[in-house]
Amino acid sequence: MEEMINMDDLEIREEWISGIEVDYAEYDGAAFTGAAYEKTEYYYSEYKFVNGYIHGRCFSVYTNGQPCNESFMEHGITLEKTRWYQSGAKREYYKKEPMINQYWSENGILLEDENDKTRKIFYPSGKLKSLYIGNDEKIYYDESGEWVVKIKAEYNDYVVTDRKNMYFNDDFISKNYMGLLMDYEFYKYFIIWLNDKNGDERGDIIIDMIKSDVPWHKSNGINLAGTHNVRKAIPYIRLELNNNVKPPEHRDHRDIPQSSYGWTIGKTAKTALGRMGV
């Protein structure tokens, strides 16, 4: 039986192959070829290495015996991967060629479905939320099926494109922005849409947010009041100076944290008033 090396005994560094970041392992100063294992309080894993790179079938199992993940690797590059929840439900499937990338909730709802041409993100209900077409078009939908924002330009989820390339369903947003803001992804579009409004209308929307019972809305509204120097919001902001609630963090469809509020609403209020010279 092949000797298994503890992963902790390997020297692992990151390398780039064809634009893909991979792990390279050495043992006793040489590229490692052989099998290695890893054991934590959550799972047990086995890996195979050839000339320093993970190669072949690798797998992990939860401590309850259910499969955690299974990958087929080629010199450090993932060719195919399947992940499961601890309950045994499928969580993720990836294939390099032809490209498939899918993600499910634990109750079996498809939350992401990507191929070489399109990428779709779904609400927890299974309704379509975002449609990416190639690299230069995105449509964001409300859960009702109404389109909210269309972007026609090379798109990056982390950088909002120029306003000239964005199209808003203005009437729908005006009537439904509080509900739309329950989805954190909408906020980055909302602040651009808000810039299009005149001062009075913008101020009324921001005050509406501050008066909300939803901590996210209240905190973001206070911050926007400071940014836009909304003087008529000052009495509402003062009412929140002793509010010690800290809004919960936002998580995406993969349960990855997207935004964390480090401050209480009260501290946000004090900072906003300071920015307004109050």
Foldseek 3Di string as FASTA:
>chain_A
DFDAAEPVQWDWDWDADPNDIFIFTDHPRFGDAGKYWYDDQFKIKIFGDDRRATAAWIFIATPVGATAKIFHDDRGHTQWMWGADNVNHTAWIFGVVQTWTWGADNVGATQWTDGQAWIWGADNVNATAKIDGHQAWMWGADSVGHTAKIFGGRDDLVDDDDPVRMDGPVVVCVVCVVVVVVAVSCVVVVVVVLVPDDLVVSLVCLLVQCPDPQQVSNLVSLLVCLVSVNVVSLVSLVVCLPAQDFHQFDADPSRHTDDGGPGGSNVSSVVSVVSNVD
